[in-house]
Amino acid sequence: MTIPDKLSPLRSAAAAQYTLEKSRDLHFEFYEYAPVCYVALSADSVIDEINLTGASLLGRECNSLLQHRFSTWLSRTLRTS
């Protein structure tokens, strides 16, 4: 096996890594900057992720909402129904 042949798998791996990173970045931007609210909740309704629009609607920064119960932000009427 020649030196260029030995580098071929490394080039393929680097290209795959680059493609995955670009895809991740694109999906992050779609989620984070979407004009609608996106919230990911745990099984017990704790905020795991929230985008900028969601945080803006609640009047807070994203990080200050993480790991807090989403029900905190619902009216009492909605919490009991």
PDB file of N, CA and C in Angstrom:
ATOM      1  N   MET A   1       0.842  -1.170   0.000  1.00  0.00           N
ATOM      2  CA  MET A   1       0.000   0.000   0.000  1.00  0.00           C
ATOM      3  C   MET A   1       0.894   1.243   0.000  1.00  0.00           C
ATOM      4  N   THR A   2       0.616   2.151  -0.901  1.00  0.00           N
ATOM      5  CA  THR A   2       1.420   3.370  -0.975  1.00  0.00           C
ATOM      6  C   THR A   2       0.921   4.390   0.053  1.00  0.00           C
ATOM      7  N   ILE A   3       1.706   5.420   0.267  1.00  0.00           N
ATOM      8  CA  ILE A   3       1.339   6.455   1.242  1.00  0.00           C
ATOM      9  C   ILE A   3       0.000   7.109   0.897  1.00  0.00           C
ATOM     10  N   PRO A   4      -0.240   7.501  -0.372  1.00  0.00           N
ATOM     11  CA  PRO A   4      -1.560   8.080  -0.674  1.00  0.00           C
ATOM     12  C   PRO A   4      -2.710   7.119  -0.373  1.00  0.00           C
ATOM     13  N   ASP A   5      -2.487   5.804  -0.609  1.00  0.00           N
ATOM     14  CA  ASP A   5      -3.528   4.823  -0.296  1.00  0.00           C
ATOM     15  C   ASP A   5      -3.811   4.767   1.206  1.00  0.00           C
ATOM     16  N   LYS A   6      -2.766   4.916   2.014  1.00  0.00           N
ATOM     17  CA  LYS A   6      -2.939   4.882   3.463  1.00  0.00           C
ATOM     18  C   LYS A   6      -3.677   6.115   3.969  1.00  0.00           C
ATOM     19  N   LEU A   7      -3.551   7.243   3.284  1.00  0.00           N
ATOM     20  CA  LEU A   7      -4.207   8.471   3.705  1.00  0.00           C
ATOM     21  C   LEU A   7      -5.668   8.545   3.268  1.00  0.00           C
ATOM     22  N   SER A   8      -6.053   7.738   2.315  1.00  0.00           N
ATOM     23  CA  SER A   8      -7.416   7.769   1.788  1.00  0.00           C
ATOM     24  C   SER A   8      -8.485   7.583   2.875  1.00  0.00           C
ATOM     25  N   PRO A   9      -8.361   6.600   3.772  1.00  0.00           N
ATOM     26  CA  PRO A   9      -9.371   6.464   4.834  1.00  0.00           C
ATOM     27  C   PRO A   9      -9.420   7.688   5.752  1.00  0.00           C
ATOM     28  N   LEU A  10      -8.260   8.299   5.991  1.00  0.00           N
ATOM     29  CA  LEU A  10      -8.230   9.497   6.833  1.00  0.00           C
ATOM     30  C   LEU A  10      -8.959  10.645   6.161  1.00  0.00           C
ATOM     31  N   ARG A  11      -8.776  10.787   4.865  1.00  0.00           N
ATOM     32  CA  ARG A  11      -9.470  11.837   4.124  1.00  0.00           C
ATOM     33  C   ARG A  11     -10.969  11.599   4.142  1.00  0.00           C
ATOM     34  N   SER A  12     -11.374  10.346   3.975  1.00  0.00           N
ATOM     35  CA  SER A  12     -12.800  10.004   4.004  1.00  0.00           C
ATOM     36  C   SER A  12     -13.399  10.296   5.380  1.00  0.00           C
ATOM     37  N   ALA A  13     -12.689   9.956   6.420  1.00  0.00           N
ATOM     38  CA  ALA A  13     -13.173  10.204   7.777  1.00  0.00           C
ATOM     39  C   ALA A  13     -13.276  11.705   8.036  1.00  0.00           C
ATOM     40  N   ALA A  14     -12.290  12.466   7.594  1.00  0.00           N
ATOM     41  CA  ALA A  14     -12.317  13.916   7.771  1.00  0.00           C
ATOM     42  C   ALA A  14     -13.472  14.530   6.993  1.00  0.00           C
ATOM     43  N   ALA A  15     -13.731  14.043   5.798  1.00  0.00           N
ATOM     44  CA  ALA A  15     -14.839  14.553   4.989  1.00  0.00           C
ATOM     45  C   ALA A  15     -16.178  14.233   5.657  1.00  0.00           C
ATOM     46  N   ALA A  16     -16.300  13.034   6.200  1.00  0.00           N
ATOM     47  CA  ALA A  16     -17.539  12.643   6.886  1.00  0.00           C
ATOM     48  C   ALA A  16     -17.746  13.498   8.131  1.00  0.00           C
ATOM     49  N   GLN A  17     -16.680  13.744   8.870  1.00  0.00           N
ATOM     50  CA  GLN A  17     -16.760  14.577  10.077  1.00  0.00           C
ATOM     51  C   GLN A  17     -17.202  15.986   9.709  1.00  0.00           C
ATOM     52  N   TYR A  18     -16.619  16.535   8.659  1.00  0.00           N
ATOM     53  CA  TYR A  18     -16.971  17.882   8.198  1.00  0.00           C
ATOM     54  C   TYR A  18     -18.450  17.943   7.808  1.00  0.00           C
ATOM     55  N   THR A  19     -18.925  16.940   7.087  1.00  0.00           N
ATOM     56  CA  THR A  19     -20.325  16.898   6.657  1.00  0.00           C
ATOM     57  C   THR A  19     -21.261  16.825   7.863  1.00  0.00           C
ATOM     58  N   LEU A  20     -20.917  16.000   8.838  1.00  0.00           N
ATOM     59  CA  LEU A  20     -21.734  15.902  10.052  1.00  0.00           C
ATOM     60  C   LEU A  20     -21.763  17.214  10.827  1.00  0.00           C
ATOM     61  N   GLU A  21     -20.628  17.875  10.933  1.00  0.00           N
ATOM     62  CA  GLU A  21     -20.572  19.140  11.658  1.00  0.00           C
ATOM     63  C   GLU A  21     -21.402  20.220  10.968  1.00  0.00           C
ATOM     64  N   LYS A  22     -21.342  20.278   9.650  1.00  0.00           N
ATOM     65  CA  LYS A  22     -22.130  21.260   8.900  1.00  0.00           C
ATOM     66  C   LYS A  22     -23.623  20.984   9.077  1.00  0.00           C
ATOM     67  N   SER A  23     -24.003  19.715   9.025  1.00  0.00           N
ATOM     68  CA  SER A  23     -25.404  19.339   9.208  1.00  0.00           C
ATOM     69  C   SER A  23     -25.879  19.714  10.615  1.00  0.00           C
ATOM     70  N   ARG A  24     -25.071  19.416  11.614  1.00  0.00           N
ATOM     71  CA  ARG A  24     -25.411  19.765  13.000  1.00  0.00           C
ATOM     72  C   ARG A  24     -25.584  21.263  13.151  1.00  0.00           C
ATOM     73  N   ASP A  25     -24.667  22.044  12.584  1.00  0.00           N
ATOM     74  CA  ASP A  25     -24.735  23.497  12.679  1.00  0.00           C
ATOM     75  C   ASP A  25     -25.988  24.041  12.006  1.00  0.00           C
ATOM     76  N   LEU A  26     -26.336  23.490  10.863  1.00  0.00           N
ATOM     77  CA  LEU A  26     -27.518  23.937  10.132  1.00  0.00           C
ATOM     78  C   LEU A  26     -28.787  23.648  10.940  1.00  0.00           C
ATOM     79  N   HIS A  27     -28.906  22.442  11.492  1.00  0.00           N
ATOM     80  CA  HIS A  27     -30.076  22.103  12.286  1.00  0.00           C
ATOM     81  C   HIS A  27     -30.142  22.934  13.562  1.00  0.00           C
ATOM     82  N   PHE A  28     -29.009  23.220  14.164  1.00  0.00           N
ATOM     83  CA  PHE A  28     -28.983  24.071  15.351  1.00  0.00           C
ATOM     84  C   PHE A  28     -29.529  25.453  15.011  1.00  0.00           C
ATOM     85  N   GLU A  29     -29.086  26.013  13.894  1.00  0.00           N
ATOM     86  CA  GLU A  29     -29.556  27.345  13.507  1.00  0.00           C
ATOM     87  C   GLU A  29     -31.052  27.342  13.213  1.00  0.00           C
ATOM     88  N   PHE A  30     -31.557  26.309  12.535  1.00  0.00           N
ATOM     89  CA  PHE A  30     -33.001  26.217  12.273  1.00  0.00           C
ATOM     90  C   PHE A  30     -33.777  26.169  13.583  1.00  0.00           C
ATOM     91  N   TYR A  31     -33.314  25.386  14.526  1.00  0.00           N
ATOM     92  CA  TYR A  31     -33.991  25.237  15.812  1.00  0.00           C
ATOM     93  C   TYR A  31     -33.869  26.512  16.640  1.00  0.00           C
ATOM     94  N   GLU A  32     -32.647  26.981  16.817  1.00  0.00           N
ATOM     95  CA  GLU A  32     -32.386  28.093  17.727  1.00  0.00           C
ATOM     96  C   GLU A  32     -33.022  29.400  17.265  1.00  0.00           C
ATOM     97  N   TYR A  33     -33.007  29.662  15.972  1.00  0.00           N
ATOM     98  CA  TYR A  33     -33.485  30.943  15.446  1.00  0.00           C
ATOM     99  C   TYR A  33     -34.841  30.845  14.756  1.00  0.00           C
ATOM    100  N   ALA A  34     -35.554  29.766  14.975  1.00  0.00           N
ATOM    101  CA  ALA A  34     -36.881  29.595  14.359  1.00  0.00           C
ATOM    102  C   ALA A  34     -37.829  30.681  14.870  1.00  0.00           C
ATOM    103  N   PRO A  35     -38.758  31.121  14.020  1.00  0.00           N
ATOM    104  CA  PRO A  35     -39.705  32.158  14.443  1.00  0.00           C
ATOM    105  C   PRO A  35     -40.842  31.613  15.314  1.00  0.00           C
ATOM    106  N   VAL A  36     -40.803  30.327  15.623  1.00  0.00           N
ATOM    107  CA  VAL A  36     -41.788  29.716  16.506  1.00  0.00           C
ATOM    108  C   VAL A  36     -41.077  29.121  17.717  1.00  0.00           C
ATOM    109  N   CYS A  37     -41.840  28.924  18.770  1.00  0.00           N
ATOM    110  CA  CYS A  37     -41.289  28.392  20.017  1.00  0.00           C
ATOM    111  C   CYS A  37     -41.079  26.888  19.909  1.00  0.00           C
ATOM    112  N   TYR A  38     -39.896  26.427  20.255  1.00  0.00           N
ATOM    113  CA  TYR A  38     -39.602  24.999  20.373  1.00  0.00           C
ATOM    114  C   TYR A  38     -39.116  24.739  21.792  1.00  0.00           C
ATOM    115  N   VAL A  39     -39.731  23.761  22.438  1.00  0.00           N
ATOM    116  CA  VAL A  39     -39.342  23.384  23.795  1.00  0.00           C
ATOM    117  C   VAL A  39     -39.229  21.868  23.841  1.00  0.00           C
ATOM    118  N   ALA A  40     -38.137  21.369  24.404  1.00  0.00           N
ATOM    119  CA  ALA A  40     -37.976  19.935  24.637  1.00  0.00           C
ATOM    120  C   ALA A  40     -38.139  19.707  26.133  1.00  0.00           C
ATOM    121  N   LEU A  41     -39.103  18.862  26.478  1.00  0.00           N
ATOM    122  CA  LEU A  41     -39.391  18.593  27.882  1.00  0.00           C
ATOM    123  C   LEU A  41     -38.991  17.174  28.255  1.00  0.00           C
ATOM    124  N   SER A  42     -38.585  17.009  29.497  1.00  0.00           N
ATOM    125  CA  SER A  42     -38.301  15.659  30.015  1.00  0.00           C
ATOM    126  C   SER A  42     -39.632  14.974  30.314  1.00  0.00           C
ATOM    127  N   ALA A  43     -39.580  13.741  30.729  1.00  0.00           N
ATOM    128  CA  ALA A  43     -40.791  12.983  31.039  1.00  0.00           C
ATOM    129  C   ALA A  43     -41.602  13.628  32.165  1.00  0.00           C
ATOM    130  N   ASP A  44     -40.931  14.342  33.064  1.00  0.00           N
ATOM    131  CA  ASP A  44     -41.644  15.004  34.160  1.00  0.00           C
ATOM    132  C   ASP A  44     -41.824  16.506  33.921  1.00  0.00           C
ATOM    133  N   SER A  45     -41.863  16.893  32.638  1.00  0.00           N
ATOM    134  CA  SER A  45     -42.169  18.268  32.203  1.00  0.00           C
ATOM    135  C   SER A  45     -41.146  19.313  32.631  1.00  0.00           C
ATOM    136  N   VAL A  46     -39.898  18.917  32.746  1.00  0.00           N
ATOM    137  CA  VAL A  46     -38.814  19.857  33.021  1.00  0.00           C
ATOM    138  C   VAL A  46     -38.231  20.286  31.680  1.00  0.00           C
ATOM    139  N   ILE A  47     -37.934  21.571  31.547  1.00  0.00           N
ATOM    140  CA  ILE A  47     -37.407  22.106  30.291  1.00  0.00           C
ATOM    141  C   ILE A  47     -35.964  21.636  30.104  1.00  0.00           C
ATOM    142  N   ASP A  48     -35.741  20.822  29.068  1.00  0.00           N
ATOM    143  CA  ASP A  48     -34.396  20.365  28.723  1.00  0.00           C
ATOM    144  C   ASP A  48     -33.753  21.281  27.697  1.00  0.00           C
ATOM    145  N   GLU A  49     -34.567  21.777  26.753  1.00  0.00           N
ATOM    146  CA  GLU A  49     -34.091  22.688  25.716  1.00  0.00           C
ATOM    147  C   GLU A  49     -35.209  23.652  25.384  1.00  0.00           C
ATOM    148  N   ILE A  50     -34.820  24.884  25.032  1.00  0.00           N
ATOM    149  CA  ILE A  50     -35.787  25.872  24.569  1.00  0.00           C
ATOM    150  C   ILE A  50     -35.055  26.820  23.622  1.00  0.00           C
ATOM    151  N   ASN A  51     -35.728  27.211  22.551  1.00  0.00           N
ATOM    152  CA  ASN A  51     -35.055  28.098  21.601  1.00  0.00           C
ATOM    153  C   ASN A  51     -35.263  29.567  21.997  1.00  0.00           C
ATOM    154  N   LEU A  52     -34.637  30.467  21.247  1.00  0.00           N
ATOM    155  CA  LEU A  52     -34.683  31.891  21.572  1.00  0.00           C
ATOM    156  C   LEU A  52     -36.092  32.458  21.547  1.00  0.00           C
ATOM    157  N   THR A  53     -36.902  32.017  20.594  1.00  0.00           N
ATOM    158  CA  THR A  53     -38.278  32.512  20.514  1.00  0.00           C
ATOM    159  C   THR A  53     -39.072  32.096  21.745  1.00  0.00           C
ATOM    160  N   GLY A  54     -38.907  30.857  22.169  1.00  0.00           N
ATOM    161  CA  GLY A  54     -39.598  30.385  23.367  1.00  0.00           C
ATOM    162  C   GLY A  54     -39.183  31.162  24.605  1.00  0.00           C
ATOM    163  N   ALA A  55     -37.897  31.375  24.754  1.00  0.00           N
ATOM    164  CA  ALA A  55     -37.402  32.130  25.901  1.00  0.00           C
ATOM    165  C   ALA A  55     -37.915  33.569  25.859  1.00  0.00           C
ATOM    166  N   SER A  56     -37.952  34.146  24.672  1.00  0.00           N
ATOM    167  CA  SER A  56     -38.444  35.514  24.516  1.00  0.00           C
ATOM    168  C   SER A  56     -39.922  35.607  24.903  1.00  0.00           C
ATOM    169  N   LEU A  57     -40.716  34.626  24.492  1.00  0.00           N
ATOM    170  CA  LEU A  57     -42.140  34.623  24.845  1.00  0.00           C
ATOM    171  C   LEU A  57     -42.346  34.551  26.356  1.00  0.00           C
ATOM    172  N   LEU A  58     -41.427  33.890  27.043  1.00  0.00           N
ATOM    173  CA  LEU A  58     -41.522  33.771  28.496  1.00  0.00           C
ATOM    174  C   LEU A  58     -40.787  34.902  29.218  1.00  0.00           C
ATOM    175  N   GLY A  59     -40.137  35.765  28.444  1.00  0.00           N
ATOM    176  CA  GLY A  59     -39.455  36.921  29.032  1.00  0.00           C
ATOM    177  C   GLY A  59     -38.188  36.591  29.788  1.00  0.00           C
ATOM    178  N   ARG A  60     -37.536  35.517  29.399  1.00  0.00           N
ATOM    179  CA  ARG A  60     -36.302  35.081  30.074  1.00  0.00           C
ATOM    180  C   ARG A  60     -35.245  34.704  29.058  1.00  0.00           C
ATOM    181  N   GLU A  61     -34.028  34.466  29.540  1.00  0.00           N
ATOM    182  CA  GLU A  61     -32.971  33.921  28.699  1.00  0.00           C
ATOM    183  C   GLU A  61     -33.057  32.395  28.757  1.00  0.00           C
ATOM    184  N   CYS A  62     -32.613  31.769  27.674  1.00  0.00           N
ATOM    185  CA  CYS A  62     -32.718  30.305  27.565  1.00  0.00           C
ATOM    186  C   CYS A  62     -32.152  29.588  28.782  1.00  0.00           C
ATOM    187  N   ASN A  63     -30.938  29.930  29.176  1.00  0.00           N
ATOM    188  CA  ASN A  63     -30.269  29.206  30.267  1.00  0.00           C
ATOM    189  C   ASN A  63     -31.008  29.311  31.587  1.00  0.00           C
ATOM    190  N   SER A  64     -31.724  30.418  31.804  1.00  0.00           N
ATOM    191  CA  SER A  64     -32.431  30.573  33.081  1.00  0.00           C
ATOM    192  C   SER A  64     -33.694  29.714  33.140  1.00  0.00           C
ATOM    193  N   LEU A  65     -34.132  29.185  31.994  1.00  0.00           N
ATOM    194  CA  LEU A  65     -35.332  28.352  31.959  1.00  0.00           C
ATOM    195  C   LEU A  65     -35.029  26.861  32.062  1.00  0.00           C
ATOM    196  N   LEU A  66     -33.808  26.483  31.735  1.00  0.00           N
ATOM    197  CA  LEU A  66     -33.440  25.067  31.731  1.00  0.00           C
ATOM    198  C   LEU A  66     -33.555  24.462  33.122  1.00  0.00           C
ATOM    199  N   GLN A  67     -34.031  23.229  33.159  1.00  0.00           N
ATOM    200  CA  GLN A  67     -34.188  22.437  34.383  1.00  0.00           C
ATOM    201  C   GLN A  67     -35.261  22.995  35.330  1.00  0.00           C
ATOM    202  N   HIS A  68     -36.172  23.813  34.790  1.00  0.00           N
ATOM    203  CA  HIS A  68     -37.327  24.273  35.553  1.00  0.00           C
ATOM    204  C   HIS A  68     -38.584  23.635  34.951  1.00  0.00           C
ATOM    205  N   ARG A  69     -39.575  23.404  35.770  1.00  0.00           N
ATOM    206  CA  ARG A  69     -40.819  22.816  35.290  1.00  0.00           C
ATOM    207  C   ARG A  69     -41.530  23.768  34.341  1.00  0.00           C
ATOM    208  N   PHE A  70     -41.981  23.225  33.226  1.00  0.00           N
ATOM    209  CA  PHE A  70     -42.703  24.025  32.243  1.00  0.00           C
ATOM    210  C   PHE A  70     -44.030  24.511  32.817  1.00  0.00           C
ATOM    211  N   SER A  71     -44.622  23.735  33.699  1.00  0.00           N
ATOM    212  CA  SER A  71     -45.919  24.109  34.281  1.00  0.00           C
ATOM    213  C   SER A  71     -45.857  25.427  35.045  1.00  0.00           C
ATOM    214  N   THR A  72     -44.666  25.832  35.460  1.00  0.00           N
ATOM    215  CA  THR A  72     -44.496  27.119  36.129  1.00  0.00           C
ATOM    216  C   THR A  72     -45.012  28.257  35.252  1.00  0.00           C
ATOM    217  N   TRP A  73     -44.925  28.060  33.949  1.00  0.00           N
ATOM    218  CA  TRP A  73     -45.274  29.122  33.000  1.00  0.00           C
ATOM    219  C   TRP A  73     -46.709  29.019  32.507  1.00  0.00           C
ATOM    220  N   LEU A  74     -47.444  28.016  32.967  1.00  0.00           N
ATOM    221  CA  LEU A  74     -48.827  27.855  32.542  1.00  0.00           C
ATOM    222  C   LEU A  74     -49.763  28.503  33.560  1.00  0.00           C
ATOM    223  N   SER A  75     -50.886  28.996  33.081  1.00  0.00           N
ATOM    224  CA  SER A  75     -51.864  29.564  34.002  1.00  0.00           C
ATOM    225  C   SER A  75     -52.440  28.441  34.866  1.00  0.00           C
ATOM    226  N   ARG A  76     -52.984  28.791  36.006  1.00  0.00           N
ATOM    227  CA  ARG A  76     -53.552  27.771  36.900  1.00  0.00           C
ATOM    228  C   ARG A  76     -54.675  27.006  36.228  1.00  0.00           C
ATOM    229  N   THR A  77     -55.420  27.677  35.369  1.00  0.00           N
ATOM    230  CA  THR A  77     -56.513  27.016  34.658  1.00  0.00           C
ATOM    231  C   THR A  77     -55.977  25.876  33.807  1.00  0.00           C
ATOM    232  N   LEU A  78     -54.882  26.116  33.086  1.00  0.00           N
ATOM    233  CA  LEU A  78     -54.304  25.083  32.238  1.00  0.00           C
ATOM    234  C   LEU A  78     -53.657  23.965  33.053  1.00  0.00           C
ATOM    235  N   ARG A  79     -53.099  24.293  34.192  1.00  0.00           N
ATOM    236  CA  ARG A  79     -52.442  23.275  35.019  1.00  0.00           C
ATOM    237  C   ARG A  79     -53.423  22.264  35.598  1.00  0.00           C
ATOM    238  N   THR A  80     -54.646  22.684  35.847  1.00  0.00           N
ATOM    239  CA  THR A  80     -55.617  21.784  36.478  1.00  0.00           C
ATOM    240  C   THR A  80     -56.508  21.065  35.478  1.00  0.00           C
ATOM    241  N   SER A  81     -56.443  21.447  34.206  1.00  0.00           N
ATOM    242  CA  SER A  81     -57.334  20.793  33.235  1.00  0.00           C
ATOM    243  C   SER A  81     -56.717  19.572  32.624  1.00  0.00           C
TER     244      SER A  81
END
